[in-house]
Amino acid sequence: REAGVAVLEIARSETDSRLRRKAVEMLGEVKGPGVMELLKELVMKSSDRDLVRTAMSAISEHEGEQPRIILLELARSGADVELRSMAISELGDHNDKSTVAELIKLFEAEKNEQVRKHIISVLAEIDDVHARAKLVELARSAADIEIRKTAISHIAEQEDEQAANALA
């Protein structure tokens, strides 16, 4: 517990960026009050991209609803496309029905083609009937030809009977 408090304090106030990043990385293993709040603050407000990436990875090490909510918030509202895509990838690792539903909603609201394609690739990695149905729907009827091509290529990579039927 005392070590966790010390790591939290280093992550919060250390001026040496290398030490601070290492402390933030360690927060992926530390459970306790203030940890998720600090990680969220770093992800949402820090201008140090490496620190943000490290904080996002630390968030994804935690289980439960709070990390998922933080990642969703960043995926929806982050200004940086690369960091939004990273949050989307981390969300895909949660691999549950509610995350799939959120990723589909995110896809529908998203304007950036790069992020939309990334959501498709994350959905393709999730073993879920709704994720697969969305890929097939996009392959069949997406208005944007590039989105259709992306969905088709991800279906083709799945190499099973369902994928073969969908492609046929």
Protein backbone atom coordinates (compact mmCIF):
# COMPACT_ATOMS: atom_id res chain seq x y z
CA ARG A 1 0.00 0.00 0.00
CA GLU A 2 2.75 2.47 0.90
CA ALA A 3 4.63 1.59 -2.28
CA GLY A 4 1.46 2.27 -4.28
CA VAL A 5 1.10 5.69 -2.66
CA ALA A 6 4.74 6.48 -3.45
CA VAL A 7 4.34 5.43 -7.09
CA LEU A 8 1.18 7.53 -7.36
CA GLU A 9 3.01 10.57 -6.00
CA ILE A 10 5.92 10.11 -8.42
CA ALA A 11 3.49 9.76 -11.33
CA ARG A 12 1.69 12.91 -10.20
CA SER A 13 4.63 15.25 -9.60
CA GLU A 14 7.98 13.93 -10.89
CA THR A 15 9.74 16.39 -13.21
CA ASP A 16 12.04 13.80 -14.85
CA SER A 17 9.86 12.59 -17.74
CA ARG A 18 11.51 9.14 -17.90
CA LEU A 19 10.92 8.48 -14.20
CA ARG A 20 7.40 9.82 -14.42
CA ARG A 21 6.56 7.54 -17.38
CA LYS A 22 7.97 4.54 -15.46
CA ALA A 23 5.80 5.41 -12.45
CA VAL A 24 2.73 5.79 -14.67
CA GLU A 25 3.52 2.41 -16.23
CA MET A 26 3.65 0.88 -12.74
CA LEU A 27 0.19 2.31 -12.00
CA GLY A 28 -1.17 -0.40 -14.29
CA GLU A 29 -0.39 -2.77 -11.41
CA VAL A 30 -1.41 -0.50 -8.53
CA LYS A 31 -4.96 -0.63 -7.22
CA GLY A 32 -6.15 2.04 -4.87
CA PRO A 33 -7.70 5.42 -4.41
CA GLY A 34 -6.65 8.08 -6.87
CA VAL A 35 -5.00 5.76 -9.40
CA MET A 36 -7.70 5.75 -12.08
CA GLU A 37 -8.41 9.44 -11.54
CA LEU A 38 -4.75 10.34 -12.15
CA LEU A 39 -4.49 8.06 -15.18
CA LYS A 40 -7.65 9.61 -16.66
CA GLU A 41 -6.32 13.11 -16.02
CA LEU A 42 -3.03 12.26 -17.74
CA VAL A 43 -4.78 10.74 -20.74
CA MET A 44 -7.20 13.63 -21.14
CA LYS A 45 -4.94 16.58 -20.36
CA SER A 46 -1.25 15.78 -20.82
CA SER A 47 0.60 17.18 -23.83
CA ASP A 48 3.32 14.51 -23.53
CA ARG A 49 2.23 11.88 -26.10
CA ASP A 50 4.49 9.18 -24.66
CA LEU A 51 3.07 9.78 -21.19
CA VAL A 52 -0.47 9.62 -22.59
CA ARG A 53 0.28 6.30 -24.34
CA THR A 54 1.80 4.93 -21.13
CA ALA A 55 -1.20 6.08 -19.08
CA MET A 56 -3.60 4.51 -21.58
CA SER A 57 -1.74 1.21 -21.39
CA ALA A 58 -1.86 1.40 -17.58
CA ILE A 59 -5.62 2.02 -17.70
CA SER A 60 -6.11 -1.05 -19.88
CA GLU A 61 -4.30 -3.19 -17.29
CA HIS A 62 -7.14 -2.50 -14.86
CA GLU A 63 -10.38 -4.46 -14.95
CA GLY A 64 -13.91 -3.27 -14.49
CA GLU A 65 -16.20 -0.58 -15.78
CA GLN A 66 -14.16 2.51 -14.91
CA PRO A 67 -11.25 1.79 -17.30
CA ARG A 68 -13.71 0.94 -20.07
CA ILE A 69 -15.57 4.22 -19.55
CA ILE A 70 -12.33 6.23 -19.67
CA LEU A 71 -11.21 4.50 -22.88
CA LEU A 72 -14.64 5.08 -24.44
CA GLU A 73 -14.51 8.74 -23.52
CA LEU A 74 -11.11 9.10 -25.16
CA ALA A 75 -12.21 7.12 -28.23
CA ARG A 76 -15.22 9.43 -28.65
CA SER A 77 -13.73 12.80 -27.90
CA GLY A 78 -9.97 12.76 -28.21
CA ALA A 79 -8.57 15.28 -30.67
CA ASP A 80 -5.61 13.10 -31.66
CA VAL A 81 -6.50 10.38 -34.21
CA GLU A 82 -3.60 8.12 -33.17
CA LEU A 83 -4.58 8.22 -29.49
CA ARG A 84 -8.25 7.67 -30.32
CA SER A 85 -7.26 4.64 -32.36
CA MET A 86 -5.16 3.34 -29.48
CA ALA A 87 -8.14 3.72 -27.12
CA ILE A 88 -10.31 1.84 -29.63
CA SER A 89 -7.75 -0.98 -29.77
CA GLU A 90 -7.63 -1.18 -25.97
CA LEU A 91 -11.44 -1.30 -25.90
CA GLY A 92 -11.39 -4.22 -28.32
CA ASP A 93 -9.39 -6.18 -25.77
CA HIS A 94 -12.40 -6.03 -23.41
CA ASN A 95 -14.21 -8.32 -25.85
CA ASP A 96 -17.73 -8.10 -24.40
CA LYS A 97 -21.19 -7.39 -25.77
CA SER A 98 -21.50 -3.86 -24.36
CA THR A 99 -18.11 -2.88 -25.78
CA VAL A 100 -19.14 -4.18 -29.21
CA ALA A 101 -22.33 -2.11 -29.02
CA GLU A 102 -20.30 0.98 -28.07
CA LEU A 103 -17.82 0.42 -30.90
CA ILE A 104 -20.69 0.11 -33.39
CA LYS A 105 -22.21 3.36 -32.09
CA LEU A 106 -18.81 4.99 -32.30
CA PHE A 107 -18.43 3.80 -35.90
CA GLU A 108 -21.81 5.25 -36.86
CA ALA A 109 -20.99 8.65 -35.36
CA GLU A 110 -17.39 8.82 -36.60
CA LYS A 111 -16.45 11.12 -39.49
CA ASN A 112 -12.73 10.31 -39.79
CA GLU A 113 -12.22 7.51 -42.35
CA GLN A 114 -8.97 6.33 -40.72
CA VAL A 115 -10.70 5.91 -37.35
CA ARG A 116 -13.70 4.21 -39.01
CA LYS A 117 -11.38 1.69 -40.68
CA HIS A 118 -9.63 1.10 -37.37
CA ILE A 119 -12.96 0.39 -35.66
CA ILE A 120 -13.69 -2.18 -38.38
CA SER A 121 -10.35 -3.90 -37.75
CA VAL A 122 -11.01 -3.98 -34.00
CA LEU A 123 -14.53 -5.38 -34.53
CA ALA A 124 -13.00 -8.07 -36.77
CA GLU A 125 -10.77 -9.19 -33.89
CA ILE A 126 -13.68 -9.64 -31.48
CA ASP A 127 -15.39 -13.01 -31.40
CA ASP A 128 -18.96 -11.74 -31.16
CA VAL A 129 -22.04 -12.30 -33.32
CA HIS A 130 -22.93 -8.57 -33.34
CA ALA A 131 -19.41 -7.56 -34.38
CA ARG A 132 -19.49 -10.08 -37.20
CA ALA A 133 -22.97 -8.98 -38.29
CA LYS A 134 -21.78 -5.37 -38.48
CA LEU A 135 -18.84 -6.37 -40.67
CA VAL A 136 -21.16 -8.24 -43.04
CA GLU A 137 -23.58 -5.30 -43.11
CA LEU A 138 -20.75 -2.91 -43.98
CA ALA A 139 -19.39 -5.25 -46.64
CA ARG A 140 -22.81 -5.44 -48.26
CA SER A 141 -24.12 -1.93 -48.02
CA ALA A 142 -21.71 0.74 -46.79
CA ALA A 143 -22.02 3.85 -48.94
CA ASP A 144 -18.26 4.44 -48.83
CA ILE A 145 -16.47 1.98 -51.12
CA GLU A 146 -13.28 2.10 -49.01
CA ILE A 147 -15.27 1.07 -45.92
CA ARG A 148 -16.82 -1.80 -47.90
CA LYS A 149 -13.38 -2.96 -49.07
CA THR A 150 -12.02 -2.81 -45.52
CA ALA A 151 -14.94 -4.86 -44.15
CA ILE A 152 -14.62 -7.43 -46.96
CA SER A 153 -10.88 -7.86 -46.40
CA HIS A 154 -11.40 -8.41 -42.67
CA ILE A 155 -14.15 -10.96 -43.30
CA ALA A 156 -11.82 -12.76 -45.74
CA GLU A 157 -9.15 -13.02 -43.02
CA GLN A 158 -11.47 -14.95 -40.72
CA GLU A 159 -11.16 -18.22 -42.66
CA ASP A 160 -14.24 -20.03 -41.42
CA GLU A 161 -17.53 -21.23 -42.91
CA GLN A 162 -19.46 -18.15 -41.74
CA ALA A 163 -16.94 -15.87 -43.42
CA ALA A 164 -17.05 -17.92 -46.62
CA ASN A 165 -20.86 -17.75 -46.66
CA ALA A 166 -20.83 -14.01 -46.05
CA LEU A 167 -18.35 -13.45 -48.87
CA ALA A 168 -20.31 -15.68 -51.25
